[in-house]
C-alpha cells in the first residue's frame, strides 16, 4: 500500500476517529498506534534514491485487546 492509497482510504473516515492497528491474522489483536517514521529518518534503508521508494512505517503502540478475524476479509 502506498501513502496515496492510504490517504484515499482515509478520505471518507471521520477525522476524529481513533487509529489502531489490527495485527496477527491467525490470533488477532487490536493495538494503539504509537506513531510513524520513515526509512529516510532511520537512515539505514533506501530513501527513494536509485529508483527505490521511501518506506513509511506505522509504529505499534500498546495492545488494547483482541481483534476480529473479519478485519482481513473487509480490508482491501
PDB file of N, CA and C in Angstrom:
ATOM      1  N   UNK A   1       0.846  -1.168   0.000  1.00  0.00           N
ATOM      2  CA  UNK A   1       0.000   0.000   0.000  1.00  0.00           C
ATOM      3  C   UNK A   1       0.894   1.235   0.000  1.00  0.00           C
ATOM      4  N   UNK A   2       0.538   2.213  -0.800  1.00  0.00           N
ATOM      5  CA  UNK A   2       1.286   3.468  -0.838  1.00  0.00           C
ATOM      6  C   UNK A   2       0.607   4.499   0.069  1.00  0.00           C
ATOM      7  N   UNK A   3       1.304   5.578   0.358  1.00  0.00           N
ATOM      8  CA  UNK A   3       0.726   6.656   1.158  1.00  0.00           C
ATOM      9  C   UNK A   3      -0.517   7.199   0.453  1.00  0.00           C
ATOM     10  N   UNK A   4      -0.452   7.346  -0.874  1.00  0.00           N
ATOM     11  CA  UNK A   4      -1.606   7.837  -1.636  1.00  0.00           C
ATOM     12  C   UNK A   4      -2.815   6.913  -1.463  1.00  0.00           C
ATOM     13  N   UNK A   5      -2.582   5.605  -1.541  1.00  0.00           N
ATOM     14  CA  UNK A   5      -3.674   4.648  -1.361  1.00  0.00           C
ATOM     15  C   UNK A   5      -4.249   4.739   0.059  1.00  0.00           C
ATOM     16  N   UNK A   6      -3.378   4.882   1.051  1.00  0.00           N
ATOM     17  CA  UNK A   6      -3.840   5.015   2.432  1.00  0.00           C
ATOM     18  C   UNK A   6      -4.659   6.290   2.605  1.00  0.00           C
ATOM     19  N   UNK A   7      -4.186   7.403   2.065  1.00  0.00           N
ATOM     20  CA  UNK A   7      -4.925   8.660   2.156  1.00  0.00           C
ATOM     21  C   UNK A   7      -6.283   8.550   1.473  1.00  0.00           C
ATOM     22  N   UNK A   8      -6.332   7.879   0.326  1.00  0.00           N
ATOM     23  CA  UNK A   8      -7.609   7.670  -0.370  1.00  0.00           C
ATOM     24  C   UNK A   8      -8.583   6.887   0.504  1.00  0.00           C
ATOM     25  N   UNK A   9      -8.079   5.850   1.175  1.00  0.00           N
ATOM     26  CA  UNK A   9      -8.938   5.043   2.054  1.00  0.00           C
ATOM     27  C   UNK A   9      -9.401   5.837   3.269  1.00  0.00           C
ATOM     28  N   UNK A  10      -8.553   6.720   3.781  1.00  0.00           N
ATOM     29  CA  UNK A  10      -8.888   7.506   4.965  1.00  0.00           C
ATOM     30  C   UNK A  10      -9.797   8.695   4.645  1.00  0.00           C
ATOM     31  N   UNK A  11      -9.879   9.060   3.389  1.00  0.00           N
ATOM     32  CA  UNK A  11     -10.624  10.259   2.981  1.00  0.00           C
ATOM     33  C   UNK A  11     -12.058  10.273   3.498  1.00  0.00           C
ATOM     34  N   UNK A  12     -12.745   9.133   3.481  1.00  0.00           N
ATOM     35  CA  UNK A  12     -14.142   9.068   3.901  1.00  0.00           C
ATOM     36  C   UNK A  12     -14.317   8.767   5.390  1.00  0.00           C
ATOM     37  N   UNK A  13     -13.226   8.634   6.112  1.00  0.00           N
ATOM     38  CA  UNK A  13     -13.309   8.338   7.547  1.00  0.00           C
ATOM     39  C   UNK A  13     -13.484   9.621   8.345  1.00  0.00           C
ATOM     40  N   UNK A  14     -14.104   9.493   9.498  1.00  0.00           N
ATOM     41  CA  UNK A  14     -14.260  10.607  10.423  1.00  0.00           C
ATOM     42  C   UNK A  14     -12.867  11.021  10.909  1.00  0.00           C
ATOM     43  N   UNK A  15     -12.464  12.280  10.707  1.00  0.00           N
ATOM     44  CA  UNK A  15     -11.113  12.687  11.098  1.00  0.00           C
ATOM     45  C   UNK A  15     -10.859  12.650  12.602  1.00  0.00           C
ATOM     46  N   UNK A  16     -11.907  12.523  13.399  1.00  0.00           N
ATOM     47  CA  UNK A  16     -11.739  12.432  14.848  1.00  0.00           C
ATOM     48  C   UNK A  16     -11.697  10.996  15.349  1.00  0.00           C
ATOM     49  N   UNK A  17     -11.756  10.029  14.425  1.00  0.00           N
ATOM     50  CA  UNK A  17     -11.709   8.614  14.807  1.00  0.00           C
ATOM     51  C   UNK A  17     -10.320   8.224  15.295  1.00  0.00           C
ATOM     52  N   UNK A  18     -10.274   7.313  16.257  1.00  0.00           N
ATOM     53  CA  UNK A  18      -9.005   6.768  16.735  1.00  0.00           C
ATOM     54  C   UNK A  18      -8.430   5.848  15.662  1.00  0.00           C
ATOM     55  N   UNK A  19      -7.108   5.817  15.533  1.00  0.00           N
ATOM     56  CA  UNK A  19      -6.430   4.926  14.602  1.00  0.00           C
ATOM     57  C   UNK A  19      -5.758   3.823  15.406  1.00  0.00           C
ATOM     58  N   UNK A  20      -6.068   2.560  15.075  1.00  0.00           N
ATOM     59  CA  UNK A  20      -5.464   1.396  15.730  1.00  0.00           C
ATOM     60  C   UNK A  20      -4.920   0.462  14.663  1.00  0.00           C
ATOM     61  N   UNK A  21      -4.070  -0.453  15.069  1.00  0.00           N
ATOM     62  CA  UNK A  21      -3.548  -1.491  14.189  1.00  0.00           C
ATOM     63  C   UNK A  21      -4.179  -2.818  14.572  1.00  0.00           C
ATOM     64  N   UNK A  22      -4.614  -3.579  13.574  1.00  0.00           N
ATOM     65  CA  UNK A  22      -5.075  -4.946  13.805  1.00  0.00           C
ATOM     66  C   UNK A  22      -3.905  -5.827  13.357  1.00  0.00           C
ATOM     67  N   UNK A  23      -3.387  -6.642  14.262  1.00  0.00           N
ATOM     68  CA  UNK A  23      -2.208  -7.460  13.955  1.00  0.00           C
ATOM     69  C   UNK A  23      -2.502  -8.939  14.185  1.00  0.00           C
ATOM     70  N   UNK A  24      -1.652  -9.785  13.600  1.00  0.00           N
ATOM     71  CA  UNK A  24      -1.697 -11.239  13.777  1.00  0.00           C
ATOM     72  C   UNK A  24      -3.015 -11.850  13.305  1.00  0.00           C
ATOM     73  N   UNK A  25      -3.119 -12.067  12.018  1.00  0.00           N
ATOM     74  CA  UNK A  25      -4.356 -12.567  11.428  1.00  0.00           C
ATOM     75  C   UNK A  25      -4.854 -13.859  12.076  1.00  0.00           C
ATOM     76  N   UNK A  26      -3.953 -14.772  12.422  1.00  0.00           N
ATOM     77  CA  UNK A  26      -4.382 -16.048  12.994  1.00  0.00           C
ATOM     78  C   UNK A  26      -4.929 -15.901  14.417  1.00  0.00           C
ATOM     79  N   UNK A  27      -4.399 -14.940  15.162  1.00  0.00           N
ATOM     80  CA  UNK A  27      -4.843 -14.683  16.543  1.00  0.00           C
ATOM     81  C   UNK A  27      -4.855 -13.161  16.706  1.00  0.00           C
ATOM     82  N   UNK A  28      -5.906 -12.503  16.206  1.00  0.00           N
ATOM     83  CA  UNK A  28      -5.884 -11.041  16.069  1.00  0.00           C
ATOM     84  C   UNK A  28      -5.847 -10.269  17.386  1.00  0.00           C
ATOM     85  N   UNK A  29      -5.081  -9.205  17.359  1.00  0.00           N
ATOM     86  CA  UNK A  29      -5.018  -8.249  18.452  1.00  0.00           C
ATOM     87  C   UNK A  29      -5.240  -6.840  17.905  1.00  0.00           C
ATOM     88  N   UNK A  30      -5.812  -5.981  18.735  1.00  0.00           N
ATOM     89  CA  UNK A  30      -6.008  -4.576  18.422  1.00  0.00           C
ATOM     90  C   UNK A  30      -4.958  -3.804  19.208  1.00  0.00           C
ATOM     91  N   UNK A  31      -4.209  -2.958  18.508  1.00  0.00           N
ATOM     92  CA  UNK A  31      -3.112  -2.219  19.114  1.00  0.00           C
ATOM     93  C   UNK A  31      -3.245  -0.734  18.837  1.00  0.00           C
ATOM     94  N   UNK A  32      -2.801   0.084  19.778  1.00  0.00           N
ATOM     95  CA  UNK A  32      -2.760   1.519  19.527  1.00  0.00           C
ATOM     96  C   UNK A  32      -1.646   1.801  18.517  1.00  0.00           C
ATOM     97  N   UNK A  33      -1.697   2.978  17.950  1.00  0.00           N
ATOM     98  CA  UNK A  33      -0.661   3.417  17.019  1.00  0.00           C
ATOM     99  C   UNK A  33       0.236   4.385  17.782  1.00  0.00           C
ATOM    100  N   UNK A  34       1.497   4.021  17.950  1.00  0.00           N
ATOM    101  CA  UNK A  34       2.436   4.858  18.691  1.00  0.00           C
ATOM    102  C   UNK A  34       2.813   6.085  17.869  1.00  0.00           C
ATOM    103  N   UNK A  35       3.022   5.880  16.573  1.00  0.00           N
ATOM    104  CA  UNK A  35       3.417   6.974  15.691  1.00  0.00           C
ATOM    105  C   UNK A  35       3.899   6.440  14.360  1.00  0.00           C
ATOM    106  N   UNK A  36       4.693   7.234  13.658  1.00  0.00           N
ATOM    107  CA  UNK A  36       5.252   6.779  12.393  1.00  0.00           C
ATOM    108  C   UNK A  36       6.638   7.343  12.201  1.00  0.00           C
ATOM    109  N   UNK A  37       7.392   6.687  11.331  1.00  0.00           N
ATOM    110  CA  UNK A  37       8.723   7.137  10.946  1.00  0.00           C
ATOM    111  C   UNK A  37       8.938   6.715   9.494  1.00  0.00           C
ATOM    112  N   UNK A  38      10.020   7.141   8.918  1.00  0.00           N
ATOM    113  CA  UNK A  38      10.315   6.811   7.520  1.00  0.00           C
ATOM    114  C   UNK A  38      11.707   6.199   7.398  1.00  0.00           C
ATOM    115  N   UNK A  39      11.936   5.566   6.256  1.00  0.00           N
ATOM    116  CA  UNK A  39      13.259   4.998   6.003  1.00  0.00           C
ATOM    117  C   UNK A  39      14.314   6.100   5.956  1.00  0.00           C
ATOM    118  N   UNK A  40      13.932   7.296   5.502  1.00  0.00           N
ATOM    119  CA  UNK A  40      14.880   8.416   5.483  1.00  0.00           C
ATOM    120  C   UNK A  40      15.281   8.808   6.904  1.00  0.00           C
ATOM    121  N   UNK A  41      14.304   8.818   7.816  1.00  0.00           N
ATOM    122  CA  UNK A  41      14.615   9.160   9.205  1.00  0.00           C
ATOM    123  C   UNK A  41      15.481   8.088   9.852  1.00  0.00           C
ATOM    124  N   UNK A  42      15.234   6.841   9.499  1.00  0.00           N
ATOM    125  CA  UNK A  42      16.033   5.751  10.064  1.00  0.00           C
ATOM    126  C   UNK A  42      17.434   5.718   9.465  1.00  0.00           C
ATOM    127  N   UNK A  43      17.600   6.249   8.280  1.00  0.00           N
ATOM    128  CA  UNK A  43      18.872   6.421   7.576  1.00  0.00           C
ATOM    129  C   UNK A  43      19.656   5.146   7.320  1.00  0.00           C
ATOM    130  N   UNK A  44      19.053   4.002   7.513  1.00  0.00           N
ATOM    131  CA  UNK A  44      19.781   2.770   7.197  1.00  0.00           C
ATOM    132  C   UNK A  44      19.071   1.975   6.113  1.00  0.00           C
ATOM    133  N   UNK A  45      18.054   2.570   5.531  1.00  0.00           N
ATOM    134  CA  UNK A  45      17.312   1.913   4.472  1.00  0.00           C
ATOM    135  C   UNK A  45      17.238   2.845   3.275  1.00  0.00           C
ATOM    136  N   UNK A  46      16.880   2.326   2.102  1.00  0.00           N
ATOM    137  CA  UNK A  46      16.784   3.178   0.909  1.00  0.00           C
ATOM    138  C   UNK A  46      15.841   4.352   1.158  1.00  0.00           C
ATOM    139  N   UNK A  47      16.194   5.517   0.630  1.00  0.00           N
ATOM    140  CA  UNK A  47      15.406   6.725   0.857  1.00  0.00           C
ATOM    141  C   UNK A  47      14.810   7.277  -0.428  1.00  0.00           C
ATOM    142  N   UNK A  48      14.573   6.425  -1.403  1.00  0.00           N
ATOM    143  CA  UNK A  48      13.984   6.897  -2.641  1.00  0.00           C
ATOM    144  C   UNK A  48      15.005   7.176  -3.719  1.00  0.00           C
ATOM    145  N   UNK A  49      16.266   7.003  -3.428  1.00  0.00           N
ATOM    146  CA  UNK A  49      17.306   7.233  -4.422  1.00  0.00           C
ATOM    147  C   UNK A  49      17.555   5.956  -5.199  1.00  0.00           C
ATOM    148  N   UNK A  50      17.974   6.081  -6.441  1.00  0.00           N
ATOM    149  CA  UNK A  50      18.295   4.918  -7.251  1.00  0.00           C
ATOM    150  C   UNK A  50      17.073   4.092  -7.613  1.00  0.00           C
ATOM    151  N   UNK A  51      15.912   4.738  -7.715  1.00  0.00           N
ATOM    152  CA  UNK A  51      14.704   4.033  -8.132  1.00  0.00           C
ATOM    153  C   UNK A  51      13.961   3.315  -7.029  1.00  0.00           C
ATOM    154  N   UNK A  52      14.450   3.377  -5.808  1.00  0.00           N
ATOM    155  CA  UNK A  52      13.766   2.704  -4.693  1.00  0.00           C
ATOM    156  C   UNK A  52      12.918   3.716  -3.942  1.00  0.00           C
ATOM    157  N   UNK A  53      11.692   3.304  -3.626  1.00  0.00           N
ATOM    158  CA  UNK A  53      10.775   4.191  -2.922  1.00  0.00           C
ATOM    159  C   UNK A  53      11.105   4.265  -1.441  1.00  0.00           C
ATOM    160  N   UNK A  54      10.839   5.444  -0.880  1.00  0.00           N
ATOM    161  CA  UNK A  54      10.931   5.596   0.567  1.00  0.00           C
ATOM    162  C   UNK A  54       9.828   4.757   1.214  1.00  0.00           C
ATOM    163  N   UNK A  55      10.066   4.283   2.419  1.00  0.00           N
ATOM    164  CA  UNK A  55       9.097   3.479   3.151  1.00  0.00           C
ATOM    165  C   UNK A  55       8.626   4.277   4.363  1.00  0.00           C
ATOM    166  N   UNK A  56       7.311   4.271   4.611  1.00  0.00           N
ATOM    167  CA  UNK A  56       6.727   4.879   5.806  1.00  0.00           C
ATOM    168  C   UNK A  56       6.337   3.739   6.737  1.00  0.00           C
ATOM    169  N   UNK A  57       6.789   3.797   7.979  1.00  0.00           N
ATOM    170  CA  UNK A  57       6.496   2.760   8.966  1.00  0.00           C
ATOM    171  C   UNK A  57       5.498   3.286   9.995  1.00  0.00           C
ATOM    172  N   UNK A  58       4.403   2.547  10.184  1.00  0.00           N
ATOM    173  CA  UNK A  58       3.486   2.817  11.277  1.00  0.00           C
ATOM    174  C   UNK A  58       3.989   2.007  12.461  1.00  0.00           C
ATOM    175  N   UNK A  59       4.218   2.660  13.580  1.00  0.00           N
ATOM    176  CA  UNK A  59       4.846   2.019  14.731  1.00  0.00           C
ATOM    177  C   UNK A  59       3.776   1.640  15.756  1.00  0.00           C
ATOM    178  N   UNK A  60       3.748   0.358  16.084  1.00  0.00           N
ATOM    179  CA  UNK A  60       2.761  -0.198  17.009  1.00  0.00           C
ATOM    180  C   UNK A  60       2.961   0.331  18.420  1.00  0.00           C
ATOM    181  N   UNK A  61       1.843   0.656  19.066  1.00  0.00           N
ATOM    182  CA  UNK A  61       1.859   1.063  20.469  1.00  0.00           C
ATOM    183  C   UNK A  61       1.500  -0.117  21.355  1.00  0.00           C
ATOM    184  N   UNK A  62       0.648   0.113  22.327  1.00  0.00           N
ATOM    185  CA  UNK A  62       0.307  -0.949  23.268  1.00  0.00           C
ATOM    186  C   UNK A  62      -0.860  -1.811  22.767  1.00  0.00           C
ATOM    187  N   UNK A  63      -0.914  -3.031  23.249  1.00  0.00           N
ATOM    188  CA  UNK A  63      -2.016  -3.940  22.916  1.00  0.00           C
ATOM    189  C   UNK A  63      -3.248  -3.497  23.691  1.00  0.00           C
ATOM    190  N   UNK A  64      -4.357  -3.319  22.969  1.00  0.00           N
ATOM    191  CA  UNK A  64      -5.591  -2.823  23.577  1.00  0.00           C
ATOM    192  C   UNK A  64      -6.611  -3.920  23.835  1.00  0.00           C
ATOM    193  N   UNK A  65      -6.442  -5.052  23.183  1.00  0.00           N
ATOM    194  CA  UNK A  65      -7.397  -6.146  23.345  1.00  0.00           C
ATOM    195  C   UNK A  65      -7.375  -7.050  22.131  1.00  0.00           C
ATOM    196  N   UNK A  66      -8.331  -7.968  22.098  1.00  0.00           N
ATOM    197  CA  UNK A  66      -8.415  -8.888  20.979  1.00  0.00           C
ATOM    198  C   UNK A  66      -8.984  -8.186  19.763  1.00  0.00           C
ATOM    199  N   UNK A  67      -8.586  -8.664  18.589  1.00  0.00           N
ATOM    200  CA  UNK A  67      -9.076  -8.125  17.335  1.00  0.00           C
ATOM    201  C   UNK A  67     -10.201  -8.976  16.780  1.00  0.00           C
ATOM    202  N   UNK A  68     -10.423  -8.866  15.485  1.00  0.00           N
ATOM    203  CA  UNK A  68     -11.507  -9.569  14.808  1.00  0.00           C
ATOM    204  C   UNK A  68     -10.980 -10.131  13.494  1.00  0.00           C
ATOM    205  N   UNK A  69     -11.139 -11.439  13.286  1.00  0.00           N
ATOM    206  CA  UNK A  69     -10.670 -12.097  12.066  1.00  0.00           C
ATOM    207  C   UNK A  69     -11.254 -11.455  10.810  1.00  0.00           C
ATOM    208  N   UNK A  70     -12.448 -10.887  10.902  1.00  0.00           N
ATOM    209  CA  UNK A  70     -13.102 -10.314   9.735  1.00  0.00           C
ATOM    210  C   UNK A  70     -12.369  -9.096   9.193  1.00  0.00           C
ATOM    211  N   UNK A  71     -11.475  -8.503   9.963  1.00  0.00           N
ATOM    212  CA  UNK A  71     -10.744  -7.323   9.503  1.00  0.00           C
ATOM    213  C   UNK A  71     -10.003  -7.625   8.206  1.00  0.00           C
ATOM    214  N   UNK A  72      -9.439  -8.814   8.073  1.00  0.00           N
ATOM    215  CA  UNK A  72      -8.685  -9.169   6.875  1.00  0.00           C
ATOM    216  C   UNK A  72      -9.598  -9.403   5.684  1.00  0.00           C
ATOM    217  N   UNK A  73     -10.818  -9.837   5.927  1.00  0.00           N
ATOM    218  CA  UNK A  73     -11.779 -10.010   4.843  1.00  0.00           C
ATOM    219  C   UNK A  73     -12.270  -8.668   4.331  1.00  0.00           C
ATOM    220  N   UNK A  74     -12.419  -7.708   5.214  1.00  0.00           N
ATOM    221  CA  UNK A  74     -13.011  -6.421   4.870  1.00  0.00           C
ATOM    222  C   UNK A  74     -11.986  -5.410   4.364  1.00  0.00           C
ATOM    223  N   UNK A  75     -10.728  -5.587   4.740  1.00  0.00           N
ATOM    224  CA  UNK A  75      -9.679  -4.663   4.302  1.00  0.00           C
ATOM    225  C   UNK A  75      -9.327  -4.976   2.848  1.00  0.00           C
ATOM    226  N   UNK A  76      -9.325  -3.963   2.052  1.00  0.00           N
ATOM    227  CA  UNK A  76      -8.933  -4.162   0.641  1.00  0.00           C
ATOM    228  C   UNK A  76      -8.242  -2.943   0.119  1.00  0.00           C
TER     229      UNK A  76
END
